[in-house]
Each structure stands twice: as structure tokens, then as C-alpha cells.
N, C-alpha and C. Protein backbone atom coordinates (compact mmCIF):
# COMPACT_ATOMS: atom_id res chain seq x y z
N UNK A 1 -79.67 -44.78 -59.72
CA UNK A 1 -80.84 -43.98 -59.47
C UNK A 1 -80.82 -42.78 -60.42
N UNK A 2 -81.98 -42.47 -60.95
CA UNK A 2 -82.12 -41.32 -61.83
C UNK A 2 -83.09 -40.33 -61.20
N UNK A 3 -82.67 -39.09 -61.08
CA UNK A 3 -83.56 -38.03 -60.62
C UNK A 3 -84.20 -37.40 -61.84
N UNK A 4 -85.52 -37.38 -61.85
CA UNK A 4 -86.25 -36.87 -63.00
C UNK A 4 -87.27 -35.83 -62.53
N UNK A 5 -88.26 -35.54 -63.37
CA UNK A 5 -89.15 -34.40 -63.14
C UNK A 5 -90.61 -34.84 -63.17
N UNK A 6 -91.38 -34.43 -62.18
CA UNK A 6 -92.82 -34.71 -62.11
C UNK A 6 -93.54 -33.98 -63.24
N UNK A 7 -94.44 -34.66 -63.92
CA UNK A 7 -95.33 -34.03 -64.89
C UNK A 7 -94.73 -33.68 -66.23
N UNK A 8 -93.51 -34.09 -66.50
CA UNK A 8 -92.88 -33.66 -67.74
C UNK A 8 -93.52 -34.28 -68.98
N UNK A 9 -94.22 -35.37 -68.83
CA UNK A 9 -94.90 -35.98 -69.97
C UNK A 9 -96.07 -35.16 -70.47
N UNK A 10 -96.50 -34.19 -69.67
CA UNK A 10 -97.61 -33.32 -70.06
C UNK A 10 -97.14 -32.08 -70.82
N UNK A 11 -95.82 -31.89 -70.91
CA UNK A 11 -95.26 -30.70 -71.57
C UNK A 11 -94.34 -31.18 -72.69
N UNK A 12 -94.95 -31.73 -73.74
CA UNK A 12 -94.17 -32.39 -74.78
C UNK A 12 -93.46 -31.42 -75.74
N UNK A 13 -93.73 -30.12 -75.63
CA UNK A 13 -93.08 -29.18 -76.53
C UNK A 13 -91.77 -28.63 -75.96
N UNK A 14 -91.32 -29.14 -74.83
CA UNK A 14 -90.05 -28.71 -74.24
C UNK A 14 -89.01 -29.79 -74.52
N UNK A 15 -87.98 -29.43 -75.26
CA UNK A 15 -86.94 -30.39 -75.66
C UNK A 15 -86.30 -31.08 -74.45
N UNK A 16 -86.02 -30.33 -73.42
CA UNK A 16 -85.37 -30.90 -72.24
C UNK A 16 -86.23 -32.00 -71.62
N UNK A 17 -87.54 -31.77 -71.54
CA UNK A 17 -88.44 -32.77 -70.96
C UNK A 17 -88.51 -34.01 -71.85
N UNK A 18 -88.53 -33.82 -73.16
CA UNK A 18 -88.52 -34.97 -74.07
C UNK A 18 -87.24 -35.78 -73.89
N UNK A 19 -86.13 -35.10 -73.70
CA UNK A 19 -84.86 -35.79 -73.48
C UNK A 19 -84.87 -36.56 -72.16
N UNK A 20 -85.45 -35.98 -71.12
CA UNK A 20 -85.54 -36.68 -69.84
C UNK A 20 -86.43 -37.92 -69.96
N UNK A 21 -87.54 -37.82 -70.70
CA UNK A 21 -88.39 -38.99 -70.92
C UNK A 21 -87.64 -40.09 -71.65
N UNK A 22 -86.87 -39.71 -72.64
CA UNK A 22 -86.05 -40.68 -73.37
C UNK A 22 -85.00 -41.31 -72.44
N UNK A 23 -84.39 -40.49 -71.61
CA UNK A 23 -83.41 -40.99 -70.65
C UNK A 23 -84.06 -42.04 -69.73
N UNK A 24 -85.26 -41.75 -69.24
CA UNK A 24 -85.97 -42.70 -68.39
C UNK A 24 -86.24 -44.01 -69.14
N UNK A 25 -86.72 -43.88 -70.38
CA UNK A 25 -87.05 -45.07 -71.19
C UNK A 25 -85.82 -45.93 -71.42
N UNK A 26 -84.70 -45.30 -71.75
CA UNK A 26 -83.47 -46.05 -71.99
C UNK A 26 -82.98 -46.74 -70.73
N UNK A 27 -83.12 -46.08 -69.61
CA UNK A 27 -82.69 -46.68 -68.36
C UNK A 27 -83.56 -47.88 -67.99
N UNK A 28 -84.87 -47.77 -68.25
CA UNK A 28 -85.79 -48.87 -67.93
C UNK A 28 -85.47 -50.14 -68.70
N UNK A 29 -85.06 -50.02 -69.96
CA UNK A 29 -84.80 -51.21 -70.78
C UNK A 29 -83.35 -51.67 -70.70
N UNK A 30 -82.54 -50.93 -69.96
CA UNK A 30 -81.13 -51.28 -69.84
C UNK A 30 -80.92 -52.49 -68.95
N UNK A 31 -79.71 -53.01 -68.94
CA UNK A 31 -79.40 -54.25 -68.22
C UNK A 31 -79.23 -54.06 -66.70
N UNK A 32 -79.12 -52.83 -66.24
CA UNK A 32 -78.87 -52.58 -64.82
C UNK A 32 -80.16 -52.12 -64.14
N UNK A 33 -80.58 -52.81 -63.08
CA UNK A 33 -81.77 -52.38 -62.36
C UNK A 33 -81.58 -50.95 -61.83
N UNK A 34 -82.65 -50.18 -61.86
CA UNK A 34 -82.52 -48.79 -61.43
C UNK A 34 -83.82 -48.31 -60.79
N UNK A 35 -83.73 -47.20 -60.13
CA UNK A 35 -84.89 -46.50 -59.59
C UNK A 35 -84.95 -45.14 -60.25
N UNK A 36 -86.16 -44.71 -60.58
CA UNK A 36 -86.37 -43.38 -61.13
C UNK A 36 -87.21 -42.61 -60.12
N UNK A 37 -86.68 -41.50 -59.65
CA UNK A 37 -87.37 -40.67 -58.68
C UNK A 37 -87.68 -39.34 -59.36
N UNK A 38 -88.95 -38.97 -59.34
CA UNK A 38 -89.35 -37.69 -59.93
C UNK A 38 -89.62 -36.68 -58.84
N UNK A 39 -89.09 -35.49 -59.01
CA UNK A 39 -89.31 -34.38 -58.07
C UNK A 39 -89.92 -33.21 -58.84
N UNK A 40 -90.56 -32.33 -58.11
CA UNK A 40 -91.09 -31.13 -58.74
C UNK A 40 -89.95 -30.14 -58.95
N UNK A 41 -90.25 -29.02 -59.57
CA UNK A 41 -89.23 -28.01 -59.84
C UNK A 41 -88.62 -27.53 -58.52
N UNK A 42 -87.35 -27.21 -58.58
CA UNK A 42 -86.66 -26.72 -57.38
C UNK A 42 -87.02 -25.27 -57.14
N UNK A 43 -87.27 -24.96 -55.88
CA UNK A 43 -87.57 -23.59 -55.48
C UNK A 43 -86.48 -22.63 -55.97
N UNK A 44 -85.26 -23.12 -55.99
CA UNK A 44 -84.12 -22.28 -56.40
C UNK A 44 -84.20 -21.88 -57.88
N UNK A 45 -85.03 -22.55 -58.68
CA UNK A 45 -85.15 -22.25 -60.11
C UNK A 45 -86.34 -21.34 -60.45
N UNK A 46 -87.14 -20.96 -59.47
CA UNK A 46 -88.37 -20.21 -59.75
C UNK A 46 -88.08 -18.89 -60.48
N UNK A 47 -87.06 -18.16 -60.06
CA UNK A 47 -86.74 -16.90 -60.75
C UNK A 47 -86.45 -17.14 -62.23
N UNK A 48 -85.69 -18.17 -62.53
CA UNK A 48 -85.37 -18.47 -63.93
C UNK A 48 -86.62 -18.87 -64.70
N UNK A 49 -87.46 -19.70 -64.10
CA UNK A 49 -88.68 -20.15 -64.77
C UNK A 49 -89.57 -18.97 -65.10
N UNK A 50 -89.76 -18.07 -64.14
CA UNK A 50 -90.63 -16.91 -64.37
C UNK A 50 -89.99 -15.90 -65.32
N UNK A 51 -88.66 -15.85 -65.36
CA UNK A 51 -88.02 -14.90 -66.28
C UNK A 51 -88.27 -15.29 -67.74
N UNK A 52 -88.52 -16.58 -68.01
CA UNK A 52 -88.79 -17.02 -69.37
C UNK A 52 -90.12 -16.48 -69.87
N UNK A 53 -91.02 -16.12 -68.95
CA UNK A 53 -92.35 -15.67 -69.34
C UNK A 53 -92.56 -14.19 -69.07
N UNK A 54 -91.47 -13.47 -68.80
CA UNK A 54 -91.55 -12.05 -68.49
C UNK A 54 -91.02 -11.22 -69.66
N UNK A 55 -91.79 -10.20 -70.01
CA UNK A 55 -91.35 -9.26 -71.05
C UNK A 55 -91.72 -7.86 -70.57
N UNK A 56 -90.67 -7.09 -70.23
CA UNK A 56 -90.93 -5.76 -69.69
C UNK A 56 -91.63 -5.87 -68.34
N UNK A 57 -92.76 -5.14 -68.22
CA UNK A 57 -93.53 -5.17 -66.97
C UNK A 57 -94.62 -6.23 -66.97
N UNK A 58 -94.67 -7.06 -68.02
CA UNK A 58 -95.72 -8.07 -68.13
C UNK A 58 -95.14 -9.46 -67.82
N UNK A 59 -95.83 -10.16 -66.93
CA UNK A 59 -95.45 -11.53 -66.59
C UNK A 59 -96.61 -12.44 -66.96
N UNK A 60 -96.33 -13.39 -67.83
CA UNK A 60 -97.34 -14.40 -68.17
C UNK A 60 -96.99 -15.67 -67.42
N UNK A 61 -97.89 -16.08 -66.57
CA UNK A 61 -97.61 -17.27 -65.76
C UNK A 61 -97.63 -18.51 -66.64
N UNK A 62 -96.75 -19.47 -66.36
CA UNK A 62 -96.74 -20.70 -67.14
C UNK A 62 -98.08 -21.42 -67.03
N UNK A 63 -98.45 -22.12 -68.09
CA UNK A 63 -99.71 -22.87 -68.06
C UNK A 63 -99.57 -24.17 -67.27
N UNK A 64 -98.36 -24.59 -67.02
CA UNK A 64 -98.15 -25.79 -66.21
C UNK A 64 -98.21 -25.41 -64.74
N UNK A 65 -98.70 -26.33 -63.94
CA UNK A 65 -98.77 -26.10 -62.51
C UNK A 65 -97.38 -26.20 -61.91
N UNK A 66 -97.09 -25.36 -60.95
CA UNK A 66 -95.81 -25.40 -60.25
C UNK A 66 -96.05 -25.73 -58.79
N UNK A 67 -95.27 -26.64 -58.27
CA UNK A 67 -95.29 -26.96 -56.84
C UNK A 67 -93.84 -27.15 -56.44
N UNK A 68 -93.12 -26.04 -56.30
CA UNK A 68 -91.68 -26.12 -56.09
C UNK A 68 -91.31 -26.77 -54.75
N UNK A 69 -90.13 -27.38 -54.76
CA UNK A 69 -89.56 -28.00 -53.57
C UNK A 69 -88.12 -27.52 -53.46
N UNK A 70 -87.65 -27.35 -52.25
CA UNK A 70 -86.26 -26.95 -52.05
C UNK A 70 -85.35 -28.12 -52.42
N UNK A 71 -84.27 -27.82 -53.11
CA UNK A 71 -83.34 -28.87 -53.54
C UNK A 71 -82.83 -29.66 -52.33
N UNK A 72 -82.62 -28.99 -51.23
CA UNK A 72 -82.15 -29.67 -50.02
C UNK A 72 -83.16 -30.72 -49.55
N UNK A 73 -84.46 -30.42 -49.69
CA UNK A 73 -85.49 -31.38 -49.29
C UNK A 73 -85.46 -32.63 -50.18
N UNK A 74 -85.16 -32.44 -51.47
CA UNK A 74 -85.05 -33.59 -52.38
C UNK A 74 -83.85 -34.45 -51.97
N UNK A 75 -82.75 -33.81 -51.67
CA UNK A 75 -81.55 -34.55 -51.23
C UNK A 75 -81.86 -35.33 -49.96
N UNK A 76 -82.53 -34.70 -49.02
CA UNK A 76 -82.87 -35.39 -47.77
C UNK A 76 -83.77 -36.59 -48.02
N UNK A 77 -84.75 -36.44 -48.92
CA UNK A 77 -85.67 -37.54 -49.22
C UNK A 77 -84.94 -38.70 -49.91
N UNK A 78 -84.00 -38.38 -50.78
CA UNK A 78 -83.25 -39.43 -51.48
C UNK A 78 -82.28 -40.15 -50.55
N UNK A 79 -81.71 -39.40 -49.63
CA UNK A 79 -80.74 -40.01 -48.68
C UNK A 79 -81.47 -40.89 -47.70
């Protein structure tokens, strides 16, 4: 099973997302059957995500939509 990210194909200028898409593609064509589960951003990462767009007293909200989920909820859903 691979845990991946919802909507990452819409943000092609982020290297990490491109790498995750490649990881998914490689897993799909591999010899071992697998499941790919995509989750939204973890609530625990929101501070880090917003810090990338903050300069001084100005915060520029990301252009991508955010619908955070608690990491514990993702674990519960996968289990």
C-alpha cells in the first residue's frame, strides 16, 4: 500500500509532488499488486505550509485548496 496526496497532479511545479506521481506510476506498472490511497494534507503540517508563504507580517495564502485531516484519522481509515 502506498500513501499519497490528494490533488498533487494539479501542482506540477512542486518537486516533491512530481516525485510522488512518479512513485505512483512506478508502483502501478510493477509486478506486485498494490493499493494507492491519497489523503489530504495533515492538520499537523498546517503551520509549516503557511510558514512557506509568510514574510514578516504578510501571509499569502496558497493558491491550492487545503482540506486538512488529522494524521490519526488517516491511520484509522487505513487500518
